[in-house]
Protein backbone atom coordinates (compact mmCIF):
# COMPACT_ATOMS: atom_id res chain seq x y z
CA UNK A 1 0.00 0.00 0.00
CA UNK A 2 1.28 3.44 -0.89
CA UNK A 3 0.54 6.41 1.35
CA UNK A 4 0.81 10.01 0.19
CA UNK A 5 0.18 13.35 1.82
CA UNK A 6 -1.38 15.55 -0.88
CA UNK A 7 -1.45 19.29 -0.19
CA UNK A 8 -3.52 21.60 -2.37
CA UNK A 9 -2.65 25.24 -2.98
CA UNK A 10 -3.78 28.24 -4.99
CA UNK A 11 -1.31 30.04 -7.27
CA UNK A 12 -0.96 33.74 -8.04
CA UNK A 13 -2.67 32.96 -11.36
CA UNK A 14 -5.69 31.65 -9.46
CA UNK A 15 -5.21 28.03 -10.48
CA UNK A 16 -5.11 25.07 -8.13
CA UNK A 17 -2.02 22.89 -7.75
CA UNK A 18 -0.87 20.09 -5.49
CA UNK A 19 2.34 18.97 -3.83
CA UNK A 20 2.65 15.33 -2.71
CA UNK A 21 4.85 13.71 -0.11
CA UNK A 22 5.23 9.96 -0.51
CA UNK A 23 5.22 7.90 2.68
CA UNK A 24 4.70 10.67 5.26
CA UNK A 25 5.30 9.76 8.88
CA UNK A 26 2.48 7.69 10.27
CA UNK A 27 1.44 9.98 13.11
CA UNK A 28 1.63 13.32 11.27
CA UNK A 29 -0.70 15.85 12.88
CA UNK A 30 -3.02 18.35 11.30
CA UNK A 31 -0.97 21.16 12.87
CA UNK A 32 2.27 19.82 11.36
CA UNK A 33 0.65 19.71 7.92
CA UNK A 34 -0.70 23.25 8.33
CA UNK A 35 2.72 24.49 9.45
CA UNK A 36 4.38 22.85 6.43
CA UNK A 37 1.85 24.33 4.04
CA UNK A 38 2.25 27.79 5.59
CA UNK A 39 6.04 27.45 5.25
CA UNK A 40 5.71 26.54 1.56
CA UNK A 41 3.57 29.66 0.98
CA UNK A 42 5.65 32.02 3.16
CA UNK A 43 9.07 30.98 1.83
CA UNK A 44 7.87 30.87 -1.78
CA UNK A 45 9.54 27.47 -2.16
CA UNK A 46 7.81 26.37 -5.39
CA UNK A 47 6.73 28.07 -8.59
CA UNK A 48 4.04 26.50 -10.75
CA UNK A 49 4.34 27.56 -14.40
CA UNK A 50 6.29 30.61 -13.16
CA UNK A 51 3.56 31.60 -10.66
CA UNK A 52 4.04 31.64 -6.90
CA UNK A 53 1.91 29.59 -4.54
CA UNK A 54 -0.16 32.12 -2.64
CA UNK A 55 -2.61 30.17 -0.46
CA UNK A 56 -2.93 26.81 1.29
CA UNK A 57 -6.32 25.24 0.53
CA UNK A 58 -6.55 21.69 1.91
CA UNK A 59 -4.64 18.48 2.54
CA UNK A 60 -5.45 14.77 2.41
CA UNK A 61 -3.69 11.54 3.24
CA UNK A 62 -4.30 9.14 0.36
CA UNK A 63 -3.72 5.40 0.64
CA UNK A 64 -3.59 3.35 -2.54
CA UNK A 65 -3.58 -0.42 -2.89
CA UNK A 66 -1.71 -1.53 -5.99
CA UNK A 67 -2.22 -4.93 -7.57
CA UNK A 68 0.22 -5.77 -10.33
CA UNK A 69 -0.31 -8.50 -12.87
CA UNK A 70 2.50 -10.03 -14.88
CA UNK A 71 0.69 -10.52 -18.13
CA UNK A 72 2.57 -12.15 -20.94
CA UNK A 73 0.96 -11.65 -24.30
C-alpha atoms as a PDB file:
ATOM      1  CA  UNK A   1       0.000   0.000   0.000  1.00  0.00           C
ATOM      2  CA  UNK A   2       1.284   3.441  -0.895  1.00  0.00           C
ATOM      3  CA  UNK A   3       0.537   6.407   1.352  1.00  0.00           C
ATOM      4  CA  UNK A   4       0.810  10.008   0.187  1.00  0.00           C
ATOM      5  CA  UNK A   5       0.175  13.350   1.815  1.00  0.00           C
ATOM      6  CA  UNK A   6      -1.381  15.546  -0.879  1.00  0.00           C
ATOM      7  CA  UNK A   7      -1.453  19.286  -0.189  1.00  0.00           C
ATOM      8  CA  UNK A   8      -3.519  21.602  -2.374  1.00  0.00           C
ATOM      9  CA  UNK A   9      -2.649  25.238  -2.981  1.00  0.00           C
ATOM     10  CA  UNK A  10      -3.783  28.242  -4.985  1.00  0.00           C
ATOM     11  CA  UNK A  11      -1.306  30.036  -7.267  1.00  0.00           C
ATOM     12  CA  UNK A  12      -0.961  33.742  -8.042  1.00  0.00           C
ATOM     13  CA  UNK A  13      -2.667  32.957 -11.356  1.00  0.00           C
ATOM     14  CA  UNK A  14      -5.690  31.645  -9.458  1.00  0.00           C
ATOM     15  CA  UNK A  15      -5.212  28.030 -10.479  1.00  0.00           C
ATOM     16  CA  UNK A  16      -5.114  25.069  -8.128  1.00  0.00           C
ATOM     17  CA  UNK A  17      -2.023  22.892  -7.749  1.00  0.00           C
ATOM     18  CA  UNK A  18      -0.868  20.088  -5.495  1.00  0.00           C
ATOM     19  CA  UNK A  19       2.335  18.966  -3.825  1.00  0.00           C
ATOM     20  CA  UNK A  20       2.645  15.333  -2.713  1.00  0.00           C
ATOM     21  CA  UNK A  21       4.848  13.715  -0.107  1.00  0.00           C
ATOM     22  CA  UNK A  22       5.235   9.959  -0.505  1.00  0.00           C
ATOM     23  CA  UNK A  23       5.218   7.900   2.677  1.00  0.00           C
ATOM     24  CA  UNK A  24       4.697  10.667   5.259  1.00  0.00           C
ATOM     25  CA  UNK A  25       5.301   9.761   8.879  1.00  0.00           C
ATOM     26  CA  UNK A  26       2.477   7.688  10.271  1.00  0.00           C
ATOM     27  CA  UNK A  27       1.435   9.978  13.110  1.00  0.00           C
ATOM     28  CA  UNK A  28       1.635  13.316  11.270  1.00  0.00           C
ATOM     29  CA  UNK A  29      -0.697  15.850  12.882  1.00  0.00           C
ATOM     30  CA  UNK A  30      -3.023  18.350  11.301  1.00  0.00           C
ATOM     31  CA  UNK A  31      -0.970  21.163  12.865  1.00  0.00           C
ATOM     32  CA  UNK A  32       2.269  19.820  11.355  1.00  0.00           C
ATOM     33  CA  UNK A  33       0.651  19.710   7.925  1.00  0.00           C
ATOM     34  CA  UNK A  34      -0.698  23.245   8.332  1.00  0.00           C
ATOM     35  CA  UNK A  35       2.720  24.491   9.455  1.00  0.00           C
ATOM     36  CA  UNK A  36       4.377  22.852   6.431  1.00  0.00           C
ATOM     37  CA  UNK A  37       1.845  24.333   4.036  1.00  0.00           C
ATOM     38  CA  UNK A  38       2.250  27.791   5.589  1.00  0.00           C
ATOM     39  CA  UNK A  39       6.035  27.453   5.247  1.00  0.00           C
ATOM     40  CA  UNK A  40       5.713  26.538   1.560  1.00  0.00           C
ATOM     41  CA  UNK A  41       3.574  29.659   0.980  1.00  0.00           C
ATOM     42  CA  UNK A  42       5.649  32.024   3.159  1.00  0.00           C
ATOM     43  CA  UNK A  43       9.071  30.977   1.831  1.00  0.00           C
ATOM     44  CA  UNK A  44       7.867  30.873  -1.782  1.00  0.00           C
ATOM     45  CA  UNK A  45       9.537  27.466  -2.162  1.00  0.00           C
ATOM     46  CA  UNK A  46       7.815  26.366  -5.390  1.00  0.00           C
ATOM     47  CA  UNK A  47       6.729  28.071  -8.592  1.00  0.00           C
ATOM     48  CA  UNK A  48       4.042  26.503 -10.752  1.00  0.00           C
ATOM     49  CA  UNK A  49       4.339  27.560 -14.396  1.00  0.00           C
ATOM     50  CA  UNK A  50       6.291  30.607 -13.163  1.00  0.00           C
ATOM     51  CA  UNK A  51       3.557  31.599 -10.665  1.00  0.00           C
ATOM     52  CA  UNK A  52       4.043  31.643  -6.900  1.00  0.00           C
ATOM     53  CA  UNK A  53       1.915  29.590  -4.544  1.00  0.00           C
ATOM     54  CA  UNK A  54      -0.162  32.116  -2.638  1.00  0.00           C
ATOM     55  CA  UNK A  55      -2.606  30.171  -0.460  1.00  0.00           C
ATOM     56  CA  UNK A  56      -2.930  26.813   1.291  1.00  0.00           C
ATOM     57  CA  UNK A  57      -6.317  25.244   0.532  1.00  0.00           C
ATOM     58  CA  UNK A  58      -6.550  21.689   1.905  1.00  0.00           C
ATOM     59  CA  UNK A  59      -4.635  18.485   2.540  1.00  0.00           C
ATOM     60  CA  UNK A  60      -5.446  14.773   2.405  1.00  0.00           C
ATOM     61  CA  UNK A  61      -3.693  11.542   3.244  1.00  0.00           C
ATOM     62  CA  UNK A  62      -4.301   9.143   0.363  1.00  0.00           C
ATOM     63  CA  UNK A  63      -3.719   5.399   0.635  1.00  0.00           C
ATOM     64  CA  UNK A  64      -3.586   3.345  -2.538  1.00  0.00           C
ATOM     65  CA  UNK A  65      -3.578  -0.421  -2.892  1.00  0.00           C
ATOM     66  CA  UNK A  66      -1.713  -1.534  -5.986  1.00  0.00           C
ATOM     67  CA  UNK A  67      -2.224  -4.932  -7.570  1.00  0.00           C
ATOM     68  CA  UNK A  68       0.223  -5.768 -10.330  1.00  0.00           C
ATOM     69  CA  UNK A  69      -0.306  -8.500 -12.868  1.00  0.00           C
ATOM     70  CA  UNK A  70       2.503 -10.032 -14.879  1.00  0.00           C
ATOM     71  CA  UNK A  71       0.686 -10.519 -18.133  1.00  0.00           C
ATOM     72  CA  UNK A  72       2.572 -12.151 -20.937  1.00  0.00           C
ATOM     73  CA  UNK A  73       0.960 -11.651 -24.298  1.00  0.00           C
END
